[in-house]
Amino acid sequence: MRNIVLPARCDRAATEALLPEFQAALGAGPLSIDASGTEQIGQAMLQLLISARRTGDGAKIIPSSALMDAARLTGLEHALFEGTIV
């Protein structure tokens, strides 16, 4: 299983920096996204996470409390975490 670790601050710049890693990992088997250390998350990263969940085998996301709060606030909890929280 491939693993991608998200930084503490997941703003647009972080999303752009991680995009090539996501593109290489998606479709190459199971993917785990470790967001346990994420303290801030922006819309661009939320969009990338939704895409990762819907592509290939569907990524599993290990969330931080900040990511869970952002998911609840935006109504994306179901799309990001249903059946994937470890």
C-alpha atoms as a PDB file:
ATOM      1  CA  MET A   1       0.000   0.000   0.000  1.00  0.00           C
ATOM      2  CA  ARG A   2       1.352   3.413  -0.917  1.00  0.00           C
ATOM      3  CA  ASN A   3       1.288   6.082   1.768  1.00  0.00           C
ATOM      4  CA  ILE A   4       1.168   9.870   1.438  1.00  0.00           C
ATOM      5  CA  VAL A   5       1.697  12.008   4.540  1.00  0.00           C
ATOM      6  CA  LEU A   6       0.057  15.422   4.519  1.00  0.00           C
ATOM      7  CA  PRO A   7       1.816  18.419   6.082  1.00  0.00           C
ATOM      8  CA  ALA A   8       0.486  20.413   9.030  1.00  0.00           C
ATOM      9  CA  ARG A   9      -0.635  23.224   6.727  1.00  0.00           C
ATOM     10  CA  CYS A  10      -2.542  21.963   3.692  1.00  0.00           C
ATOM     11  CA  ASP A  11      -3.033  25.146   1.706  1.00  0.00           C
ATOM     12  CA  ARG A  12      -3.041  25.577  -2.060  1.00  0.00           C
ATOM     13  CA  ALA A  13       0.771  25.558  -2.259  1.00  0.00           C
ATOM     14  CA  ALA A  14       0.947  22.260  -0.362  1.00  0.00           C
ATOM     15  CA  THR A  15      -1.736  20.808  -2.611  1.00  0.00           C
ATOM     16  CA  GLU A  16       0.177  21.813  -5.742  1.00  0.00           C
ATOM     17  CA  ALA A  17       3.394  20.348  -4.301  1.00  0.00           C
ATOM     18  CA  LEU A  18       1.696  17.019  -3.476  1.00  0.00           C
ATOM     19  CA  LEU A  19      -0.286  16.707  -6.707  1.00  0.00           C
ATOM     20  CA  PRO A  20       2.431  14.784  -8.625  1.00  0.00           C
ATOM     21  CA  GLU A  21       2.746  12.313  -5.744  1.00  0.00           C
ATOM     22  CA  PHE A  22      -1.025  11.778  -5.728  1.00  0.00           C
ATOM     23  CA  GLN A  23      -1.088  11.332  -9.499  1.00  0.00           C
ATOM     24  CA  ALA A  24       1.669   8.714  -9.336  1.00  0.00           C
ATOM     25  CA  ALA A  25      -0.001   6.839  -6.481  1.00  0.00           C
ATOM     26  CA  LEU A  26      -3.578   6.794  -7.724  1.00  0.00           C
ATOM     27  CA  GLY A  27      -4.411   3.792  -9.831  1.00  0.00           C
ATOM     28  CA  ALA A  28      -1.272   1.964  -8.656  1.00  0.00           C
ATOM     29  CA  GLY A  29      -3.033  -0.033  -5.956  1.00  0.00           C
ATOM     30  CA  PRO A  30      -4.303   0.836  -2.498  1.00  0.00           C
ATOM     31  CA  LEU A  31      -3.451   4.286  -1.165  1.00  0.00           C
ATOM     32  CA  SER A  32      -3.341   5.506   2.434  1.00  0.00           C
ATOM     33  CA  ILE A  33      -3.335   9.228   3.175  1.00  0.00           C
ATOM     34  CA  ASP A  34      -1.996  10.136   6.605  1.00  0.00           C
ATOM     35  CA  ALA A  35      -3.504  13.454   7.624  1.00  0.00           C
ATOM     36  CA  SER A  36      -3.082  12.831  11.347  1.00  0.00           C
ATOM     37  CA  GLY A  37      -0.694  15.782  11.685  1.00  0.00           C
ATOM     38  CA  THR A  38      -2.775  18.215   9.655  1.00  0.00           C
ATOM     39  CA  GLU A  39      -3.677  21.367  11.558  1.00  0.00           C
ATOM     40  CA  GLN A  40      -5.076  23.525   8.717  1.00  0.00           C
ATOM     41  CA  ILE A  41      -6.749  22.377   5.521  1.00  0.00           C
ATOM     42  CA  GLY A  42      -7.967  24.413   2.586  1.00  0.00           C
ATOM     43  CA  GLN A  43     -10.467  23.879  -0.187  1.00  0.00           C
ATOM     44  CA  ALA A  44      -7.871  22.758  -2.740  1.00  0.00           C
ATOM     45  CA  MET A  45      -6.679  19.906  -0.507  1.00  0.00           C
ATOM     46  CA  LEU A  46     -10.256  18.898   0.289  1.00  0.00           C
ATOM     47  CA  GLN A  47     -10.897  18.661  -3.454  1.00  0.00           C
ATOM     48  CA  LEU A  48      -7.766  16.552  -3.933  1.00  0.00           C
ATOM     49  CA  LEU A  49      -8.819  14.215  -1.120  1.00  0.00           C
ATOM     50  CA  ILE A  50     -12.289  13.792  -2.624  1.00  0.00           C
ATOM     51  CA  SER A  51     -10.679  12.967  -5.973  1.00  0.00           C
ATOM     52  CA  ALA A  52      -8.376  10.425  -4.312  1.00  0.00           C
ATOM     53  CA  ARG A  53     -11.360   8.764  -2.614  1.00  0.00           C
ATOM     54  CA  ARG A  54     -13.200   8.458  -5.938  1.00  0.00           C
ATOM     55  CA  THR A  55     -10.261   7.262  -8.043  1.00  0.00           C
ATOM     56  CA  GLY A  56      -8.977   3.723  -8.423  1.00  0.00           C
ATOM     57  CA  ASP A  57      -9.297   1.639  -5.279  1.00  0.00           C
ATOM     58  CA  GLY A  58     -10.329   4.682  -3.243  1.00  0.00           C
ATOM     59  CA  ALA A  59      -7.871   6.104  -0.763  1.00  0.00           C
ATOM     60  CA  LYS A  60      -8.090   5.479   2.972  1.00  0.00           C
ATOM     61  CA  ILE A  61      -7.648   8.641   5.010  1.00  0.00           C
ATOM     62  CA  ILE A  62      -6.243   8.801   8.528  1.00  0.00           C
ATOM     63  CA  PRO A  63      -7.671  12.150   9.693  1.00  0.00           C
ATOM     64  CA  SER A  64      -6.661  14.720  12.255  1.00  0.00           C
ATOM     65  CA  SER A  65      -9.240  16.520  14.364  1.00  0.00           C
ATOM     66  CA  ALA A  66      -8.751  19.595  12.142  1.00  0.00           C
ATOM     67  CA  LEU A  67      -9.570  17.562   9.020  1.00  0.00           C
ATOM     68  CA  MET A  68     -12.615  16.025  10.709  1.00  0.00           C
ATOM     69  CA  ASP A  69     -13.812  19.501  11.708  1.00  0.00           C
ATOM     70  CA  ALA A  70     -13.340  20.815   8.154  1.00  0.00           C
ATOM     71  CA  ALA A  71     -15.194  17.807   6.740  1.00  0.00           C
ATOM     72  CA  ARG A  72     -18.131  18.372   9.105  1.00  0.00           C
ATOM     73  CA  LEU A  73     -18.182  22.107   8.369  1.00  0.00           C
ATOM     74  CA  THR A  74     -18.253  21.558   4.597  1.00  0.00           C
ATOM     75  CA  GLY A  75     -20.576  18.550   4.612  1.00  0.00           C
ATOM     76  CA  LEU A  76     -17.873  16.264   3.184  1.00  0.00           C
ATOM     77  CA  GLU A  77     -17.676  13.837   6.096  1.00  0.00           C
ATOM     78  CA  HIS A  78     -19.498  11.060   4.253  1.00  0.00           C
ATOM     79  CA  ALA A  79     -17.532  11.521   1.023  1.00  0.00           C
ATOM     80  CA  LEU A  80     -14.152  11.580   2.751  1.00  0.00           C
ATOM     81  CA  PHE A  81     -14.489   9.008   5.495  1.00  0.00           C
ATOM     82  CA  GLU A  82     -17.317   6.534   5.030  1.00  0.00           C
ATOM     83  CA  GLY A  83     -15.840   3.127   5.734  1.00  0.00           C
ATOM     84  CA  THR A  84     -12.243   4.377   5.676  1.00  0.00           C
ATOM     85  CA  ILE A  85     -11.257   5.730   9.069  1.00  0.00           C
ATOM     86  CA  VAL A  86      -8.583   3.558  10.652  1.00  0.00           C
END
